[in-house]
Amino acid sequence: MRKIFCIISIVFIIFSCGETIQQNNDNYSHDLAAITISGPNYVYLNWENTWEITVKNNGLNTESEFVVKLMKGDGIEISSTSVSEDISPEEELTFYFDCVSNEAGEIYLYGEVLLDSDEYSTNNRTTKLTVDIISDNPFPQTYIGTDSTFDVLTWNIQTFPLNGNLTVSNVIAIIEDLSPDFIALQEIQDATDFNTVKNSLEGWEGFRANSAYYNINLAILYNTETIQIESIQEIYTDDGWAFPRNPLVTKLIFYPC
């Protein structure tokens, strides 16, 4: 995994340009494109978050020496990484930037790739991503359990994510603060946003069922440092009247820290 750590501060500059054209149909010999940037749209002040930048080789030749940058505002570099690994024609590579936001407000982030021999610079930047940095964290640090106890959280999150990216960011923040060993979730509607939560929690894995009526599924999240999953299965799968969501049974081993 390619991860870069950085600090974000606010600069009140707004893009006035249109979206970047990503496609190259002219078969250039050397052409790297920054095709996507993804990450949370709402973050809390002084919290670490991860943004992903994906680069694609649109050229005819394999490239191996280039730079990927996380940028903000009007050309201000937040962080960068020099890449030496090969990227073949049509191949995509994703780079992860771990950043701390140290000033509240609204910013615009984008990804950029720089290749000395690039023959088509129009697609070197992604489209911009709006990020709101919130100064007040409504979830103060709360400690539950101990390192030697098996700490379980059960949480019915109404039609997750009810309020889009804000819900996703809040769920991540609450889980990081409470830091249980195992979480049983209900009404997990969106698989992509569930995976965003799972992938944002370092050292965590999860499973989401996909059999519930109205797509309000059951799911689990667990800390891999303390939990080893032996099996996950749904039961009463032929009794939709009594169980519109099939019960989810997890067999696990708990390893105290």
C-alpha atoms as a PDB file:
ATOM      1  CA  MET A   1       0.000   0.000   0.000  1.00  0.00           C
ATOM      2  CA  ARG A   2       1.358   3.412  -0.966  1.00  0.00           C
ATOM      3  CA  LYS A   3       0.673   5.775   1.960  1.00  0.00           C
ATOM      4  CA  ILE A   4       1.956   9.321   2.476  1.00  0.00           C
ATOM      5  CA  PHE A   5       1.467  11.430   5.615  1.00  0.00           C
ATOM      6  CA  CYS A   6       0.851  15.169   5.418  1.00  0.00           C
ATOM      7  CA  ILE A   7      -0.759  18.168   7.129  1.00  0.00           C
ATOM      8  CA  ILE A   8      -3.530  20.259   5.571  1.00  0.00           C
ATOM      9  CA  SER A   9      -4.027  23.949   6.306  1.00  0.00           C
ATOM     10  CA  ILE A  10      -6.605  26.289   4.797  1.00  0.00           C
ATOM     11  CA  VAL A  11      -6.027  28.691   1.952  1.00  0.00           C
ATOM     12  CA  PHE A  12      -9.150  30.566   0.876  1.00  0.00           C
ATOM     13  CA  ILE A  13      -8.743  30.222  -2.874  1.00  0.00           C
ATOM     14  CA  ILE A  14     -11.449  28.801  -5.115  1.00  0.00           C
ATOM     15  CA  PHE A  15     -10.985  27.134  -8.490  1.00  0.00           C
ATOM     16  CA  SER A  16     -12.497  28.995 -11.420  1.00  0.00           C
ATOM     17  CA  CYS A  17     -11.561  26.475 -14.097  1.00  0.00           C
ATOM     18  CA  GLY A  18     -13.742  23.670 -15.429  1.00  0.00           C
ATOM     19  CA  GLU A  19     -13.301  19.946 -14.971  1.00  0.00           C
ATOM     20  CA  THR A  20     -10.165  18.290 -16.280  1.00  0.00           C
ATOM     21  CA  ILE A  21     -10.379  16.189 -19.445  1.00  0.00           C
ATOM     22  CA  GLN A  22      -9.090  12.760 -18.551  1.00  0.00           C
ATOM     23  CA  GLN A  23      -9.132  10.908 -21.854  1.00  0.00           C
ATOM     24  CA  ASN A  24      -6.335  10.748 -24.396  1.00  0.00           C
ATOM     25  CA  ASN A  25      -7.326   9.334 -27.748  1.00  0.00           C
ATOM     26  CA  ASP A  26      -4.171  10.281 -29.657  1.00  0.00           C
ATOM     27  CA  ASN A  27      -1.990   7.328 -28.639  1.00  0.00           C
ATOM     28  CA  TYR A  28       0.874   9.333 -27.198  1.00  0.00           C
ATOM     29  CA  SER A  29       4.033   7.414 -26.377  1.00  0.00           C
ATOM     30  CA  HIS A  30       4.255   8.938 -22.896  1.00  0.00           C
ATOM     31  CA  ASP A  31       1.111   9.993 -21.064  1.00  0.00           C
ATOM     32  CA  LEU A  32       0.199   9.555 -17.404  1.00  0.00           C
ATOM     33  CA  ALA A  33      -3.201  10.767 -16.227  1.00  0.00           C
ATOM     34  CA  ALA A  34      -4.418  11.535 -12.699  1.00  0.00           C
ATOM     35  CA  ILE A  35      -7.897  10.098 -13.087  1.00  0.00           C
ATOM     36  CA  THR A  36      -9.564  10.163  -9.650  1.00  0.00           C
ATOM     37  CA  ILE A  37      -9.279  11.555  -6.148  1.00  0.00           C
ATOM     38  CA  SER A  38     -11.425  10.109  -3.374  1.00  0.00           C
ATOM     39  CA  GLY A  39     -11.748  10.489   0.372  1.00  0.00           C
ATOM     40  CA  PRO A  40     -14.002  12.067   3.001  1.00  0.00           C
ATOM     41  CA  ASN A  41     -15.863  15.295   2.228  1.00  0.00           C
ATOM     42  CA  TYR A  42     -16.308  16.113   5.927  1.00  0.00           C
ATOM     43  CA  VAL A  43     -13.428  15.844   8.404  1.00  0.00           C
ATOM     44  CA  TYR A  44     -12.661  17.070  11.901  1.00  0.00           C
ATOM     45  CA  LEU A  45      -9.940  19.506  12.832  1.00  0.00           C
ATOM     46  CA  ASN A  46      -6.620  17.853  13.785  1.00  0.00           C
ATOM     47  CA  TRP A  47      -7.849  14.394  12.855  1.00  0.00           C
ATOM     48  CA  GLU A  48      -5.960  12.191  10.443  1.00  0.00           C
ATOM     49  CA  ASN A  49      -7.786  11.226   7.227  1.00  0.00           C
ATOM     50  CA  THR A  50      -6.832   9.424   4.038  1.00  0.00           C
ATOM     51  CA  TRP A  51      -7.284  10.559   0.444  1.00  0.00           C
ATOM     52  CA  GLU A  52      -6.631   8.328  -2.544  1.00  0.00           C
ATOM     53  CA  ILE A  53      -5.280   9.403  -5.935  1.00  0.00           C
ATOM     54  CA  THR A  54      -5.413   7.008  -8.863  1.00  0.00           C
ATOM     55  CA  VAL A  55      -3.012   7.350 -11.795  1.00  0.00           C
ATOM     56  CA  LYS A  56      -3.455   5.641 -15.165  1.00  0.00           C
ATOM     57  CA  ASN A  57      -0.902   5.086 -17.921  1.00  0.00           C
ATOM     58  CA  ASN A  58      -2.648   6.232 -21.114  1.00  0.00           C
ATOM     59  CA  GLY A  59       0.557   6.119 -23.123  1.00  0.00           C
ATOM     60  CA  LEU A  60       2.096   3.378 -25.250  1.00  0.00           C
ATOM     61  CA  ASN A  61       5.209   2.907 -23.094  1.00  0.00           C
ATOM     62  CA  THR A  62       5.782   1.591 -19.584  1.00  0.00           C
ATOM     63  CA  GLU A  63       6.750   4.395 -17.181  1.00  0.00           C
ATOM     64  CA  SER A  64       8.736   4.089 -13.949  1.00  0.00           C
ATOM     65  CA  GLU A  65       9.849   7.533 -12.743  1.00  0.00           C
ATOM     66  CA  PHE A  66       7.116  10.034 -11.883  1.00  0.00           C
ATOM     67  CA  VAL A  67       5.682  12.103  -9.019  1.00  0.00           C
ATOM     68  CA  VAL A  68       2.164  12.018  -7.557  1.00  0.00           C
ATOM     69  CA  LYS A  69       0.940  15.018  -5.572  1.00  0.00           C
ATOM     70  CA  LEU A  70      -1.977  15.887  -3.328  1.00  0.00           C
ATOM     71  CA  MET A  71      -2.810  19.532  -4.006  1.00  0.00           C
ATOM     72  CA  LYS A  72      -5.198  22.149  -2.659  1.00  0.00           C
ATOM     73  CA  GLY A  73      -6.581  25.501  -3.708  1.00  0.00           C
ATOM     74  CA  ASP A  74      -4.787  27.059  -6.640  1.00  0.00           C
ATOM     75  CA  GLY A  75      -1.642  24.956  -7.008  1.00  0.00           C
ATOM     76  CA  ILE A  76      -0.554  24.554  -3.378  1.00  0.00           C
ATOM     77  CA  GLU A  77       1.163  21.251  -2.680  1.00  0.00           C
ATOM     78  CA  ILE A  78       0.140  19.386   0.467  1.00  0.00           C
ATOM     79  CA  SER A  79       2.215  16.253  -0.041  1.00  0.00           C
ATOM     80  CA  SER A  80       3.912  14.284  -2.780  1.00  0.00           C
ATOM     81  CA  THR A  81       5.584  10.967  -3.414  1.00  0.00           C
ATOM     82  CA  SER A  82       8.241  10.041  -5.958  1.00  0.00           C
ATOM     83  CA  VAL A  83       7.411   6.750  -7.666  1.00  0.00           C
ATOM     84  CA  SER A  84       9.987   4.346  -9.082  1.00  0.00           C
ATOM     85  CA  GLU A  85       7.832   1.277  -9.758  1.00  0.00           C
ATOM     86  CA  ASP A  86       6.660   0.386 -13.245  1.00  0.00           C
ATOM     87  CA  ILE A  87       3.225   1.290 -14.530  1.00  0.00           C
ATOM     88  CA  SER A  88       2.338  -0.475 -17.790  1.00  0.00           C
ATOM     89  CA  PRO A  89       0.089   0.894 -20.565  1.00  0.00           C
ATOM     90  CA  GLU A  90      -3.574   0.925 -19.397  1.00  0.00           C
ATOM     91  CA  GLU A  91      -2.500   0.039 -15.837  1.00  0.00           C
ATOM     92  CA  GLU A  92      -3.819   2.021 -12.856  1.00  0.00           C
ATOM     93  CA  LEU A  93      -2.033   2.617  -9.523  1.00  0.00           C
ATOM     94  CA  THR A  94      -3.589   4.133  -6.411  1.00  0.00           C
ATOM     95  CA  PHE A  95      -1.640   6.195  -3.871  1.00  0.00           C
ATOM     96  CA  TYR A  96      -2.777   6.929  -0.315  1.00  0.00           C
ATOM     97  CA  PHE A  97      -2.100  10.229   1.436  1.00  0.00           C
ATOM     98  CA  ASP A  98      -2.633  10.319   5.230  1.00  0.00           C
ATOM     99  CA  CYS A  99      -3.181  13.935   6.218  1.00  0.00           C
ATOM    100  CA  VAL A 100      -4.056  15.976   9.305  1.00  0.00           C
ATOM    101  CA  SER A 101      -6.256  19.054   8.783  1.00  0.00           C
ATOM    102  CA  ASN A 102      -5.035  21.850  11.045  1.00  0.00           C
ATOM    103  CA  GLU A 103      -7.367  24.737  10.102  1.00  0.00           C
ATOM    104  CA  ALA A 104     -11.157  24.726   9.896  1.00  0.00           C
ATOM    105  CA  GLY A 105     -13.048  25.759   6.768  1.00  0.00           C
ATOM    106  CA  GLU A 106     -13.737  24.636   3.222  1.00  0.00           C
ATOM    107  CA  ILE A 107     -10.927  23.548   0.914  1.00  0.00           C
ATOM    108  CA  TYR A 108     -10.584  22.026  -2.533  1.00  0.00           C
ATOM    109  CA  LEU A 109      -8.280  19.061  -3.070  1.00  0.00           C
ATOM    110  CA  TYR A 110      -7.087  17.472  -6.287  1.00  0.00           C
ATOM    111  CA  GLY A 111      -4.505  14.974  -7.414  1.00  0.00           C
ATOM    112  CA  GLU A 112      -1.685  15.653  -9.867  1.00  0.00           C
ATOM    113  CA  VAL A 113       0.847  13.449 -11.632  1.00  0.00           C
ATOM    114  CA  LEU A 114       4.115  14.731 -13.122  1.00  0.00           C
ATOM    115  CA  LEU A 115       6.128  12.807 -15.717  1.00  0.00           C
ATOM    116  CA  ASP A 116       9.116  14.538 -17.337  1.00  0.00           C
ATOM    117  CA  SER A 117       8.435  12.992 -20.748  1.00  0.00           C
ATOM    118  CA  ASP A 118       4.633  13.463 -20.623  1.00  0.00           C
ATOM    119  CA  GLU A 119       3.289  14.483 -24.042  1.00  0.00           C
ATOM    120  CA  TYR A 120      -0.272  15.306 -22.939  1.00  0.00           C
ATOM    121  CA  SER A 121      -0.522  17.484 -19.834  1.00  0.00           C
ATOM    122  CA  THR A 122      -4.256  18.208 -20.007  1.00  0.00           C
ATOM    123  CA  ASN A 123      -5.087  15.110 -17.974  1.00  0.00           C
ATOM    124  CA  ASN A 124      -2.389  15.542 -15.322  1.00  0.00           C
ATOM    125  CA  ARG A 125      -4.909  16.752 -12.729  1.00  0.00           C
ATOM    126  CA  THR A 126      -8.022  15.146 -11.296  1.00  0.00           C
ATOM    127  CA  THR A 127     -11.251  17.053 -10.854  1.00  0.00           C
ATOM    128  CA  LYS A 128     -11.462  18.916  -7.563  1.00  0.00           C
ATOM    129  CA  LEU A 129     -12.890  17.430  -4.342  1.00  0.00           C
ATOM    130  CA  THR A 130     -14.604  19.755  -1.859  1.00  0.00           C
ATOM    131  CA  VAL A 131     -13.695  19.060   1.784  1.00  0.00           C
ATOM    132  CA  ASP A 132     -15.277  20.740   4.816  1.00  0.00           C
ATOM    133  CA  ILE A 133     -13.006  20.784   7.877  1.00  0.00           C
ATOM    134  CA  ILE A 134     -15.174  21.014  10.991  1.00  0.00           C
ATOM    135  CA  SER A 135     -13.658  22.688  14.041  1.00  0.00           C
ATOM    136  CA  ASP A 136     -15.787  21.124  16.770  1.00  0.00           C
ATOM    137  CA  ASN A 137     -15.626  17.370  17.293  1.00  0.00           C
ATOM    138  CA  PRO A 138     -18.998  16.306  18.749  1.00  0.00           C
ATOM    139  CA  PHE A 139     -17.555  12.966  19.828  1.00  0.00           C
ATOM    140  CA  PRO A 140     -15.133  13.480  22.745  1.00  0.00           C
ATOM    141  CA  GLN A 141     -12.794  10.624  23.558  1.00  0.00           C
ATOM    142  CA  THR A 142     -14.730   7.913  25.379  1.00  0.00           C
ATOM    143  CA  TYR A 143     -13.054   4.853  26.807  1.00  0.00           C
ATOM    144  CA  ILE A 144     -14.935   1.586  27.230  1.00  0.00           C
ATOM    145  CA  GLY A 145     -13.789  -1.766  28.514  1.00  0.00           C
ATOM    146  CA  THR A 146     -10.178  -2.798  28.998  1.00  0.00           C
ATOM    147  CA  ASP A 147      -7.474  -4.479  26.941  1.00  0.00           C
ATOM    148  CA  SER A 148      -8.346  -7.791  28.561  1.00  0.00           C
ATOM    149  CA  THR A 149     -12.134  -7.632  28.042  1.00  0.00           C
ATOM    150  CA  PHE A 150     -14.123  -8.501  24.931  1.00  0.00           C
ATOM    151  CA  ASP A 151     -15.850  -5.194  24.086  1.00  0.00           C
ATOM    152  CA  VAL A 152     -18.891  -5.457  21.794  1.00  0.00           C
ATOM    153  CA  LEU A 153     -20.883  -2.633  20.242  1.00  0.00           C
ATOM    154  CA  THR A 154     -24.272  -3.157  18.586  1.00  0.00           C
ATOM    155  CA  TRP A 155     -25.525  -0.285  16.462  1.00  0.00           C
ATOM    156  CA  ASN A 156     -28.643   0.209  14.351  1.00  0.00           C
ATOM    157  CA  ILE A 157     -27.632   2.955  11.928  1.00  0.00           C
ATOM    158  CA  GLN A 158     -30.812   4.033  10.182  1.00  0.00           C
ATOM    159  CA  THR A 159     -30.601   3.286   6.437  1.00  0.00           C
ATOM    160  CA  PHE A 160     -26.855   3.900   6.474  1.00  0.00           C
ATOM    161  CA  PRO A 161     -25.659   6.386   5.323  1.00  0.00           C
ATOM    162  CA  LEU A 162     -28.715   8.540   6.012  1.00  0.00           C
ATOM    163  CA  ASN A 163     -26.813  11.805   5.500  1.00  0.00           C
ATOM    164  CA  GLY A 164     -24.233  10.699   2.959  1.00  0.00           C
ATOM    165  CA  ASN A 165     -20.564  11.470   3.548  1.00  0.00           C
ATOM    166  CA  LEU A 166     -21.256  13.245   6.837  1.00  0.00           C
ATOM    167  CA  THR A 167     -22.758  10.042   8.251  1.00  0.00           C
ATOM    168  CA  VAL A 168     -19.771   8.049   6.991  1.00  0.00           C
ATOM    169  CA  SER A 169     -17.286  10.440   8.627  1.00  0.00           C
ATOM    170  CA  ASN A 170     -19.217  10.467  11.914  1.00  0.00           C
ATOM    171  CA  VAL A 171     -19.400   6.673  12.070  1.00  0.00           C
ATOM    172  CA  ILE A 172     -15.643   6.422  11.516  1.00  0.00           C
ATOM    173  CA  ALA A 173     -15.021   9.040  14.222  1.00  0.00           C
ATOM    174  CA  ILE A 174     -17.237   7.297  16.778  1.00  0.00           C
ATOM    175  CA  ILE A 175     -15.692   3.869  16.171  1.00  0.00           C
ATOM    176  CA  GLU A 176     -12.174   5.286  16.465  1.00  0.00           C
ATOM    177  CA  ASP A 177     -13.106   6.968  19.762  1.00  0.00           C
ATOM    178  CA  LEU A 178     -14.854   3.963  21.312  1.00  0.00           C
ATOM    179  CA  SER A 179     -12.422   1.403  19.870  1.00  0.00           C
ATOM    180  CA  PRO A 180     -14.399  -1.778  20.669  1.00  0.00           C
ATOM    181  CA  ASP A 181     -13.291  -5.220  19.546  1.00  0.00           C
ATOM    182  CA  PHE A 182     -16.421  -6.210  17.635  1.00  0.00           C
ATOM    183  CA  ILE A 183     -19.362  -4.263  16.174  1.00  0.00           C
ATOM    184  CA  ALA A 184     -22.728  -5.682  15.083  1.00  0.00           C
ATOM    185  CA  LEU A 185     -24.473  -3.303  12.666  1.00  0.00           C
ATOM    186  CA  GLN A 186     -28.022  -3.104  11.359  1.00  0.00           C
ATOM    187  CA  GLU A 187     -29.620  -1.269   8.397  1.00  0.00           C
ATOM    188  CA  ILE A 188     -26.418  -1.038   6.367  1.00  0.00           C
ATOM    189  CA  GLN A 189     -27.924  -0.042   3.061  1.00  0.00           C
ATOM    190  CA  ASP A 190     -24.952   1.005   0.937  1.00  0.00           C
ATOM    191  CA  ALA A 191     -22.113  -1.484   0.372  1.00  0.00           C
ATOM    192  CA  THR A 192     -19.685   1.113  -1.015  1.00  0.00           C
ATOM    193  CA  ASP A 193     -20.015   3.393   2.015  1.00  0.00           C
ATOM    194  CA  PHE A 194     -19.718   0.418   4.355  1.00  0.00           C
ATOM    195  CA  ASN A 195     -16.427  -0.458   2.656  1.00  0.00           C
ATOM    196  CA  THR A 196     -15.306   3.158   3.049  1.00  0.00           C
ATOM    197  CA  VAL A 197     -15.817   2.884   6.810  1.00  0.00           C
ATOM    198  CA  LYS A 198     -14.056  -0.479   6.945  1.00  0.00           C
ATOM    199  CA  ASN A 199     -11.081   0.671   4.885  1.00  0.00           C
ATOM    200  CA  SER A 200     -10.714   3.882   6.905  1.00  0.00           C
ATOM    201  CA  LEU A 201     -10.277   1.965  10.164  1.00  0.00           C
ATOM    202  CA  GLU A 202      -6.684   0.785  10.353  1.00  0.00           C
ATOM    203  CA  GLY A 203      -6.465  -2.846  11.364  1.00  0.00           C
ATOM    204  CA  TRP A 204     -10.173  -3.526  10.918  1.00  0.00           C
ATOM    205  CA  GLU A 205     -12.092  -5.866   8.628  1.00  0.00           C
ATOM    206  CA  GLY A 206     -15.784  -6.454   8.082  1.00  0.00           C
ATOM    207  CA  PHE A 207     -18.590  -8.311   6.374  1.00  0.00           C
ATOM    208  CA  ARG A 208     -21.939  -7.077   5.048  1.00  0.00           C
ATOM    209  CA  ALA A 209     -24.805  -9.429   4.202  1.00  0.00           C
ATOM    210  CA  ASN A 210     -26.873  -8.782   1.091  1.00  0.00           C
ATOM    211  CA  SER A 211     -30.157 -10.613   1.650  1.00  0.00           C
ATOM    212  CA  ALA A 212     -32.392  -8.257   3.651  1.00  0.00           C
ATOM    213  CA  TYR A 213     -35.631  -6.826   2.357  1.00  0.00           C
ATOM    214  CA  TYR A 214     -35.338  -3.174   1.287  1.00  0.00           C
ATOM    215  CA  ASN A 215     -31.542  -3.609   1.375  1.00  0.00           C
ATOM    216  CA  ILE A 216     -31.290  -2.785   5.120  1.00  0.00           C
ATOM    217  CA  ASN A 217     -28.668  -5.429   5.744  1.00  0.00           C
ATOM    218  CA  LEU A 218     -26.789  -6.719   8.748  1.00  0.00           C
ATOM    219  CA  ALA A 219     -23.011  -6.305   8.938  1.00  0.00           C
ATOM    220  CA  ILE A 220     -20.069  -6.744  11.271  1.00  0.00           C
ATOM    221  CA  LEU A 221     -16.812  -4.905  11.844  1.00  0.00           C
ATOM    222  CA  TYR A 222     -13.965  -6.288  13.933  1.00  0.00           C
ATOM    223  CA  ASN A 223     -10.481  -5.398  15.109  1.00  0.00           C
ATOM    224  CA  THR A 224      -8.032  -7.879  13.577  1.00  0.00           C
ATOM    225  CA  GLU A 225      -5.571  -7.350  16.438  1.00  0.00           C
ATOM    226  CA  THR A 226      -7.953  -8.980  18.911  1.00  0.00           C
ATOM    227  CA  ILE A 227     -10.421 -10.957  16.780  1.00  0.00           C
ATOM    228  CA  GLN A 228      -9.964 -13.965  14.516  1.00  0.00           C
ATOM    229  CA  ILE A 229     -13.054 -14.925  12.521  1.00  0.00           C
ATOM    230  CA  GLU A 230     -13.678 -18.651  12.131  1.00  0.00           C
ATOM    231  CA  SER A 231     -17.024 -18.489  10.302  1.00  0.00           C
ATOM    232  CA  ILE A 232     -19.854 -16.162   9.290  1.00  0.00           C
ATOM    233  CA  GLN A 233     -23.247 -17.501   8.233  1.00  0.00           C
ATOM    234  CA  GLU A 234     -26.888 -16.496   7.887  1.00  0.00           C
ATOM    235  CA  ILE A 235     -29.558 -18.661   9.511  1.00  0.00           C
ATOM    236  CA  TYR A 236     -33.320 -19.047   8.942  1.00  0.00           C
ATOM    237  CA  THR A 237     -32.818 -18.062   5.330  1.00  0.00           C
ATOM    238  CA  ASP A 238     -36.098 -19.719   4.288  1.00  0.00           C
ATOM    239  CA  ASP A 239     -38.338 -17.837   6.729  1.00  0.00           C
ATOM    240  CA  GLY A 240     -38.601 -14.320   5.328  1.00  0.00           C
ATOM    241  CA  TRP A 241     -41.893 -13.664   7.124  1.00  0.00           C
ATOM    242  CA  ALA A 242     -40.399 -14.124  10.577  1.00  0.00           C
ATOM    243  CA  PHE A 243     -36.913 -12.884   9.637  1.00  0.00           C
ATOM    244  CA  PRO A 244     -36.993 -10.202   6.901  1.00  0.00           C
ATOM    245  CA  ARG A 245     -33.297  -9.893   7.715  1.00  0.00           C
ATOM    246  CA  ASN A 246     -31.647 -13.265   8.102  1.00  0.00           C
ATOM    247  CA  PRO A 247     -29.865 -13.484  11.471  1.00  0.00           C
ATOM    248  CA  LEU A 248     -26.106 -13.302  11.047  1.00  0.00           C
ATOM    249  CA  VAL A 249     -24.062 -15.698  13.169  1.00  0.00           C
ATOM    250  CA  THR A 250     -20.332 -15.128  13.657  1.00  0.00           C
ATOM    251  CA  LYS A 251     -17.971 -17.618  15.274  1.00  0.00           C
ATOM    252  CA  LEU A 252     -14.780 -15.960  16.453  1.00  0.00           C
ATOM    253  CA  ILE A 253     -11.760 -16.212  18.720  1.00  0.00           C
ATOM    254  CA  PHE A 254     -10.883 -13.290  21.002  1.00  0.00           C
ATOM    255  CA  TYR A 255      -7.228 -12.609  21.797  1.00  0.00           C
ATOM    256  CA  PRO A 256      -6.799 -10.194  24.740  1.00  0.00           C
ATOM    257  CA  CYS A 257      -4.026  -7.632  24.274  1.00  0.00           C
END
